[in-house]
Amino acid sequence: MMGIEWLRPAAFLGSILYALIGVVIFWLCFVLIDKITPHDLWAEIVEKQNRALGMVVAAMCLGISIIVAAAIH
């Protein structure tokens, strides 16, 4: 049965470990980009409701996510 192959403990724990590694790498990249930009991204997006910057950060997040997923895969 191919459907329950991912339920093996080794495969399941490996998936969880890679997911955690991916989230940590993504978070570190976001913090790094936040530090090298001239403004505080979070305050600019949440407090000032800057939608254009929100779209740019969303695109950046998707790009980082794709790179991390490709590296882990």
PDB file of N, CA and C in Angstrom:
ATOM      1  N   MET A   1       0.830  -1.186   0.000  1.00  0.00           N
ATOM      2  CA  MET A   1       0.000   0.000   0.000  1.00  0.00           C
ATOM      3  C   MET A   1       0.870   1.241   0.000  1.00  0.00           C
ATOM      4  N   MET A   2       0.692   2.081  -0.998  1.00  0.00           N
ATOM      5  CA  MET A   2       1.500   3.282  -1.129  1.00  0.00           C
ATOM      6  C   MET A   2       0.950   4.428  -0.273  1.00  0.00           C
ATOM      7  N   GLY A   3      -0.330   4.397   0.065  1.00  0.00           N
ATOM      8  CA  GLY A   3      -0.968   5.500   0.761  1.00  0.00           C
ATOM      9  C   GLY A   3      -0.480   5.735   2.182  1.00  0.00           C
ATOM     10  N   ILE A   4      -0.039   4.686   2.866  1.00  0.00           N
ATOM     11  CA  ILE A   4       0.380   4.865   4.257  1.00  0.00           C
ATOM     12  C   ILE A   4       1.900   4.791   4.408  1.00  0.00           C
ATOM     13  N   GLU A   5       2.618   4.940   3.310  1.00  0.00           N
ATOM     14  CA  GLU A   5       4.085   4.881   3.355  1.00  0.00           C
ATOM     15  C   GLU A   5       4.661   5.994   4.237  1.00  0.00           C
ATOM     16  N   TRP A   6       4.031   7.156   4.230  1.00  0.00           N
ATOM     17  CA  TRP A   6       4.543   8.292   4.992  1.00  0.00           C
ATOM     18  C   TRP A   6       4.291   8.159   6.492  1.00  0.00           C
ATOM     19  N   LEU A   7       3.505   7.164   6.902  1.00  0.00           N
ATOM     20  CA  LEU A   7       3.220   6.966   8.323  1.00  0.00           C
ATOM     21  C   LEU A   7       4.328   6.212   9.058  1.00  0.00           C
ATOM     22  N   ARG A   8       5.306   5.707   8.321  1.00  0.00           N
ATOM     23  CA  ARG A   8       6.417   5.046   8.999  1.00  0.00           C
ATOM     24  C   ARG A   8       7.082   6.060   9.930  1.00  0.00           C
ATOM     25  N   PRO A   9       7.517   5.642  11.116  1.00  0.00           N
ATOM     26  CA  PRO A   9       8.096   6.595  12.074  1.00  0.00           C
ATOM     27  C   PRO A   9       9.290   7.362  11.523  1.00  0.00           C
ATOM     28  N   ALA A  10      10.168   6.699  10.800  1.00  0.00           N
ATOM     29  CA  ALA A  10      11.345   7.385  10.270  1.00  0.00           C
ATOM     30  C   ALA A  10      10.954   8.455   9.258  1.00  0.00           C
ATOM     31  N   ALA A  11      10.034   8.150   8.376  1.00  0.00           N
ATOM     32  CA  ALA A  11       9.586   9.117   7.371  1.00  0.00           C
ATOM     33  C   ALA A  11       8.830  10.271   8.027  1.00  0.00           C
ATOM     34  N   PHE A  12       7.986   9.942   8.996  1.00  0.00           N
ATOM     35  CA  PHE A  12       7.197  10.974   9.672  1.00  0.00           C
ATOM     36  C   PHE A  12       8.097  11.927  10.452  1.00  0.00           C
ATOM     37  N   LEU A  13       9.021  11.376  11.233  1.00  0.00           N
ATOM     38  CA  LEU A  13       9.927  12.230  12.014  1.00  0.00           C
ATOM     39  C   LEU A  13      10.865  13.019  11.113  1.00  0.00           C
ATOM     40  N   GLY A  14      11.301  12.414  10.017  1.00  0.00           N
ATOM     41  CA  GLY A  14      12.134  13.139   9.055  1.00  0.00           C
ATOM     42  C   GLY A  14      11.391  14.315   8.454  1.00  0.00           C
ATOM     43  N   SER A  15      10.122  14.116   8.139  1.00  0.00           N
ATOM     44  CA  SER A  15       9.309  15.206   7.584  1.00  0.00           C
ATOM     45  C   SER A  15       9.143  16.333   8.596  1.00  0.00           C
ATOM     46  N   ILE A  16       8.888  15.976   9.833  1.00  0.00           N
ATOM     47  CA  ILE A  16       8.742  16.993  10.884  1.00  0.00           C
ATOM     48  C   ILE A  16      10.053  17.753  11.070  1.00  0.00           C
ATOM     49  N   LEU A  17      11.164  17.047  11.084  1.00  0.00           N
ATOM     50  CA  LEU A  17      12.472  17.688  11.262  1.00  0.00           C
ATOM     51  C   LEU A  17      12.765  18.649  10.119  1.00  0.00           C
ATOM     52  N   TYR A  18      12.541  18.215   8.874  1.00  0.00           N
ATOM     53  CA  TYR A  18      12.788  19.096   7.730  1.00  0.00           C
ATOM     54  C   TYR A  18      11.846  20.285   7.726  1.00  0.00           C
ATOM     55  N   ALA A  19      10.605  20.094   8.159  1.00  0.00           N
ATOM     56  CA  ALA A  19       9.675  21.216   8.237  1.00  0.00           C
ATOM     57  C   ALA A  19      10.154  22.240   9.260  1.00  0.00           C
ATOM     58  N   LEU A  20      10.612  21.777  10.413  1.00  0.00           N
ATOM     59  CA  LEU A  20      11.133  22.698  11.437  1.00  0.00           C
ATOM     60  C   LEU A  20      12.379  23.429  10.947  1.00  0.00           C
ATOM     61  N   ILE A  21      13.272  22.706  10.285  1.00  0.00           N
ATOM     62  CA  ILE A  21      14.474  23.340   9.732  1.00  0.00           C
ATOM     63  C   ILE A  21      14.082  24.403   8.708  1.00  0.00           C
ATOM     64  N   GLY A  22      13.113  24.086   7.858  1.00  0.00           N
ATOM     65  CA  GLY A  22      12.654  25.043   6.861  1.00  0.00           C
ATOM     66  C   GLY A  22      12.062  26.295   7.479  1.00  0.00           C
ATOM     67  N   VAL A  23      11.261  26.130   8.527  1.00  0.00           N
ATOM     68  CA  VAL A  23      10.656  27.283   9.196  1.00  0.00           C
ATOM     69  C   VAL A  23      11.727  28.150   9.857  1.00  0.00           C
ATOM     70  N   VAL A  24      12.717  27.518  10.483  1.00  0.00           N
ATOM     71  CA  VAL A  24      13.793  28.278  11.133  1.00  0.00           C
ATOM     72  C   VAL A  24      14.608  29.051  10.095  1.00  0.00           C
ATOM     73  N   ILE A  25      14.940  28.417   8.983  1.00  0.00           N
ATOM     74  CA  ILE A  25      15.694  29.102   7.930  1.00  0.00           C
ATOM     75  C   ILE A  25      14.884  30.251   7.355  1.00  0.00           C
ATOM     76  N   PHE A  26      13.597  30.025   7.128  1.00  0.00           N
ATOM     77  CA  PHE A  26      12.733  31.090   6.628  1.00  0.00           C
ATOM     78  C   PHE A  26      12.696  32.262   7.599  1.00  0.00           C
ATOM     79  N   TRP A  27      12.530  31.972   8.873  1.00  0.00           N
ATOM     80  CA  TRP A  27      12.467  33.027   9.886  1.00  0.00           C
ATOM     81  C   TRP A  27      13.780  33.813   9.939  1.00  0.00           C
ATOM     82  N   LEU A  28      14.907  33.108   9.891  1.00  0.00           N
ATOM     83  CA  LEU A  28      16.208  33.787   9.904  1.00  0.00           C
ATOM     84  C   LEU A  28      16.387  34.690   8.685  1.00  0.00           C
ATOM     85  N   CYS A  29      15.963  34.224   7.520  1.00  0.00           N
ATOM     86  CA  CYS A  29      16.045  35.053   6.314  1.00  0.00           C
ATOM     87  C   CYS A  29      15.168  36.289   6.433  1.00  0.00           C
ATOM     88  N   PHE A  30      13.979  36.135   6.971  1.00  0.00           N
ATOM     89  CA  PHE A  30      13.087  37.285   7.138  1.00  0.00           C
ATOM     90  C   PHE A  30      13.696  38.302   8.106  1.00  0.00           C
ATOM     91  N   VAL A  31      14.255  37.824   9.211  1.00  0.00           N
ATOM     92  CA  VAL A  31      14.881  38.729  10.184  1.00  0.00           C
ATOM     93  C   VAL A  31      16.075  39.441   9.552  1.00  0.00           C
ATOM     94  N   LEU A  32      16.873  38.715   8.784  1.00  0.00           N
ATOM     95  CA  LEU A  32      18.023  39.318   8.115  1.00  0.00           C
ATOM     96  C   LEU A  32      17.593  40.410   7.136  1.00  0.00           C
ATOM     97  N   ILE A  33      16.572  40.127   6.350  1.00  0.00           N
ATOM     98  CA  ILE A  33      16.086  41.129   5.401  1.00  0.00           C
ATOM     99  C   ILE A  33      15.468  42.311   6.141  1.00  0.00           C
ATOM    100  N   ASP A  34      14.802  42.057   7.250  1.00  0.00           N
ATOM    101  CA  ASP A  34      14.238  43.137   8.053  1.00  0.00           C
ATOM    102  C   ASP A  34      15.344  44.038   8.596  1.00  0.00           C
ATOM    103  N   LYS A  35      16.477  43.444   8.971  1.00  0.00           N
ATOM    104  CA  LYS A  35      17.585  44.231   9.525  1.00  0.00           C
ATOM    105  C   LYS A  35      18.298  45.062   8.464  1.00  0.00           C
ATOM    106  N   ILE A  36      18.384  44.553   7.212  1.00  0.00           N
ATOM    107  CA  ILE A  36      19.142  45.293   6.197  1.00  0.00           C
ATOM    108  C   ILE A  36      18.296  46.330   5.465  1.00  0.00           C
ATOM    109  N   THR A  37      16.983  46.319   5.656  1.00  0.00           N
ATOM    110  CA  THR A  37      16.146  47.356   5.054  1.00  0.00           C
ATOM    111  C   THR A  37      16.126  48.577   5.971  1.00  0.00           C
ATOM    112  N   PRO A  38      15.930  49.766   5.384  1.00  0.00           N
ATOM    113  CA  PRO A  38      16.003  50.987   6.201  1.00  0.00           C
ATOM    114  C   PRO A  38      14.863  51.167   7.206  1.00  0.00           C
ATOM    115  N   HIS A  39      13.728  50.538   6.979  1.00  0.00           N
ATOM    116  CA  HIS A  39      12.585  50.701   7.879  1.00  0.00           C
ATOM    117  C   HIS A  39      12.265  49.380   8.560  1.00  0.00           C
ATOM    118  N   ASP A  40      11.537  49.468   9.677  1.00  0.00           N
ATOM    119  CA  ASP A  40      11.049  48.276  10.367  1.00  0.00           C
ATOM    120  C   ASP A  40       9.864  47.738   9.571  1.00  0.00           C
ATOM    121  N   LEU A  41      10.059  46.589   8.927  1.00  0.00           N
ATOM    122  CA  LEU A  41       9.026  46.050   8.043  1.00  0.00           C
ATOM    123  C   LEU A  41       7.723  45.790   8.777  1.00  0.00           C
ATOM    124  N   TRP A  42       7.809  45.190   9.954  1.00  0.00           N
ATOM    125  CA  TRP A  42       6.604  44.832  10.685  1.00  0.00           C
ATOM    126  C   TRP A  42       5.786  46.072  11.053  1.00  0.00           C
ATOM    127  N   ALA A  43       6.456  47.093  11.574  1.00  0.00           N
ATOM    128  CA  ALA A  43       5.747  48.318  11.956  1.00  0.00           C
ATOM    129  C   ALA A  43       5.166  49.013  10.729  1.00  0.00           C
ATOM    130  N   GLU A  44       5.912  49.004   9.651  1.00  0.00           N
ATOM    131  CA  GLU A  44       5.448  49.657   8.426  1.00  0.00           C
ATOM    132  C   GLU A  44       4.211  48.956   7.857  1.00  0.00           C
ATOM    133  N   ILE A  45       4.197  47.645   7.902  1.00  0.00           N
ATOM    134  CA  ILE A  45       3.075  46.890   7.333  1.00  0.00           C
ATOM    135  C   ILE A  45       1.877  46.892   8.274  1.00  0.00           C
ATOM    136  N   VAL A  46       2.103  46.613   9.556  1.00  0.00           N
ATOM    137  CA  VAL A  46       0.983  46.447  10.493  1.00  0.00           C
ATOM    138  C   VAL A  46       0.451  47.785  10.991  1.00  0.00           C
ATOM    139  N   GLU A  47       1.332  48.658  11.426  1.00  0.00           N
ATOM    140  CA  GLU A  47       0.870  49.905  12.037  1.00  0.00           C
ATOM    141  C   GLU A  47       0.472  50.953  11.001  1.00  0.00           C
ATOM    142  N   LYS A  48       1.267  51.084   9.940  1.00  0.00           N
ATOM    143  CA  LYS A  48       0.990  52.115   8.940  1.00  0.00           C
ATOM    144  C   LYS A  48       0.152  51.596   7.769  1.00  0.00           C
ATOM    145  N   GLN A  49      -0.181  50.299   7.794  1.00  0.00           N
ATOM    146  CA  GLN A  49      -1.015  49.692   6.756  1.00  0.00           C
ATOM    147  C   GLN A  49      -0.460  49.921   5.347  1.00  0.00           C
ATOM    148  N   ASN A  50       0.851  49.766   5.184  1.00  0.00           N
ATOM    149  CA  ASN A  50       1.500  49.954   3.889  1.00  0.00           C
ATOM    150  C   ASN A  50       1.281  48.690   3.051  1.00  0.00           C
ATOM    151  N   ARG A  51       0.276  48.732   2.183  1.00  0.00           N
ATOM    152  CA  ARG A  51      -0.095  47.551   1.395  1.00  0.00           C
ATOM    153  C   ARG A  51       0.940  47.225   0.329  1.00  0.00           C
ATOM    154  N   ALA A  52       1.554  48.235  -0.250  1.00  0.00           N
ATOM    155  CA  ALA A  52       2.567  47.984  -1.280  1.00  0.00           C
ATOM    156  C   ALA A  52       3.752  47.226  -0.685  1.00  0.00           C
ATOM    157  N   LEU A  53       4.200  47.644   0.469  1.00  0.00           N
ATOM    158  CA  LEU A  53       5.296  46.942   1.131  1.00  0.00           C
ATOM    159  C   LEU A  53       4.857  45.543   1.549  1.00  0.00           C
ATOM    160  N   GLY A  54       3.616  45.395   1.945  1.00  0.00           N
ATOM    161  CA  GLY A  54       3.090  44.073   2.291  1.00  0.00           C
ATOM    162  C   GLY A  54       3.140  43.120   1.112  1.00  0.00           C
ATOM    163  N   MET A  55       2.825  43.625  -0.078  1.00  0.00           N
ATOM    164  CA  MET A  55       2.888  42.786  -1.288  1.00  0.00           C
ATOM    165  C   MET A  55       4.334  42.403  -1.604  1.00  0.00           C
ATOM    166  N   VAL A  56       5.259  43.343  -1.441  1.00  0.00           N
ATOM    167  CA  VAL A  56       6.667  43.049  -1.703  1.00  0.00           C
ATOM    168  C   VAL A  56       7.188  42.017  -0.701  1.00  0.00           C
ATOM    169  N   VAL A  57       6.840  42.173   0.558  1.00  0.00           N
ATOM    170  CA  VAL A  57       7.277  41.217   1.580  1.00  0.00           C
ATOM    171  C   VAL A  57       6.630  39.850   1.349  1.00  0.00           C
ATOM    172  N   ALA A  58       5.381  39.813   0.912  1.00  0.00           N
ATOM    173  CA  ALA A  58       4.728  38.543   0.606  1.00  0.00           C
ATOM    174  C   ALA A  58       5.448  37.833  -0.540  1.00  0.00           C
ATOM    175  N   ALA A  59       5.817  38.577  -1.565  1.00  0.00           N
ATOM    176  CA  ALA A  59       6.564  37.984  -2.685  1.00  0.00           C
ATOM    177  C   ALA A  59       7.926  37.485  -2.215  1.00  0.00           C
ATOM    178  N   MET A  60       8.575  38.246  -1.343  1.00  0.00           N
ATOM    179  CA  MET A  60       9.863  37.833  -0.796  1.00  0.00           C
ATOM    180  C   MET A  60       9.702  36.552   0.025  1.00  0.00           C
ATOM    181  N   CYS A  61       8.647  36.472   0.809  1.00  0.00           N
ATOM    182  CA  CYS A  61       8.401  35.274   1.614  1.00  0.00           C
ATOM    183  C   CYS A  61       8.167  34.054   0.734  1.00  0.00           C
ATOM    184  N   LEU A  62       7.417  34.219  -0.341  1.00  0.00           N
ATOM    185  CA  LEU A  62       7.209  33.109  -1.269  1.00  0.00           C
ATOM    186  C   LEU A  62       8.518  32.677  -1.909  1.00  0.00           C
ATOM    187  N   GLY A  63       9.340  33.644  -2.293  1.00  0.00           N
ATOM    188  CA  GLY A  63      10.631  33.322  -2.896  1.00  0.00           C
ATOM    189  C   GLY A  63      11.531  32.559  -1.940  1.00  0.00           C
ATOM    190  N   ILE A  64      11.619  33.029  -0.709  1.00  0.00           N
ATOM    191  CA  ILE A  64      12.441  32.340   0.296  1.00  0.00           C
ATOM    192  C   ILE A  64      11.893  30.939   0.547  1.00  0.00           C
ATOM    193  N   SER A  65      10.571  30.812   0.616  1.00  0.00           N
ATOM    194  CA  SER A  65       9.958  29.505   0.858  1.00  0.00           C
ATOM    195  C   SER A  65      10.270  28.523  -0.268  1.00  0.00           C
ATOM    196  N   ILE A  66      10.216  28.991  -1.498  1.00  0.00           N
ATOM    197  CA  ILE A  66      10.529  28.123  -2.636  1.00  0.00           C
ATOM    198  C   ILE A  66      11.985  27.683  -2.604  1.00  0.00           C
ATOM    199  N   ILE A  67      12.884  28.607  -2.274  1.00  0.00           N
ATOM    200  CA  ILE A  67      14.311  28.274  -2.206  1.00  0.00           C
ATOM    201  C   ILE A  67      14.574  27.264  -1.096  1.00  0.00           C
ATOM    202  N   VAL A  68      13.975  27.482   0.078  1.00  0.00           N
ATOM    203  CA  VAL A  68      14.173  26.548   1.210  1.00  0.00           C
ATOM    204  C   VAL A  68      13.589  25.184   0.873  1.00  0.00           C
ATOM    205  N   ALA A  69      12.409  25.151   0.264  1.00  0.00           N
ATOM    206  CA  ALA A  69      11.797  23.866  -0.094  1.00  0.00           C
ATOM    207  C   ALA A  69      12.640  23.121  -1.121  1.00  0.00           C
ATOM    208  N   ALA A  70      13.187  23.845  -2.093  1.00  0.00           N
ATOM    209  CA  ALA A  70      14.032  23.192  -3.097  1.00  0.00           C
ATOM    210  C   ALA A  70      15.329  22.675  -2.468  1.00  0.00           C
ATOM    211  N   ALA A  71      15.872  23.420  -1.539  1.00  0.00           N
ATOM    212  CA  ALA A  71      17.103  22.988  -0.886  1.00  0.00           C
ATOM    213  C   ALA A  71      16.872  21.748  -0.018  1.00  0.00           C
ATOM    214  N   ILE A  72      15.726  21.691   0.646  1.00  0.00           N
ATOM    215  CA  ILE A  72      15.431  20.539   1.506  1.00  0.00           C
ATOM    216  C   ILE A  72      15.062  19.326   0.661  1.00  0.00           C
ATOM    217  N   HIS A  73      14.362  19.551  -0.419  1.00  0.00           N
ATOM    218  CA  HIS A  73      13.904  18.444  -1.258  1.00  0.00           C
ATOM    219  C   HIS A  73      15.087  17.772  -1.895  1.00  0.00           C
TER     220      HIS A  73
END
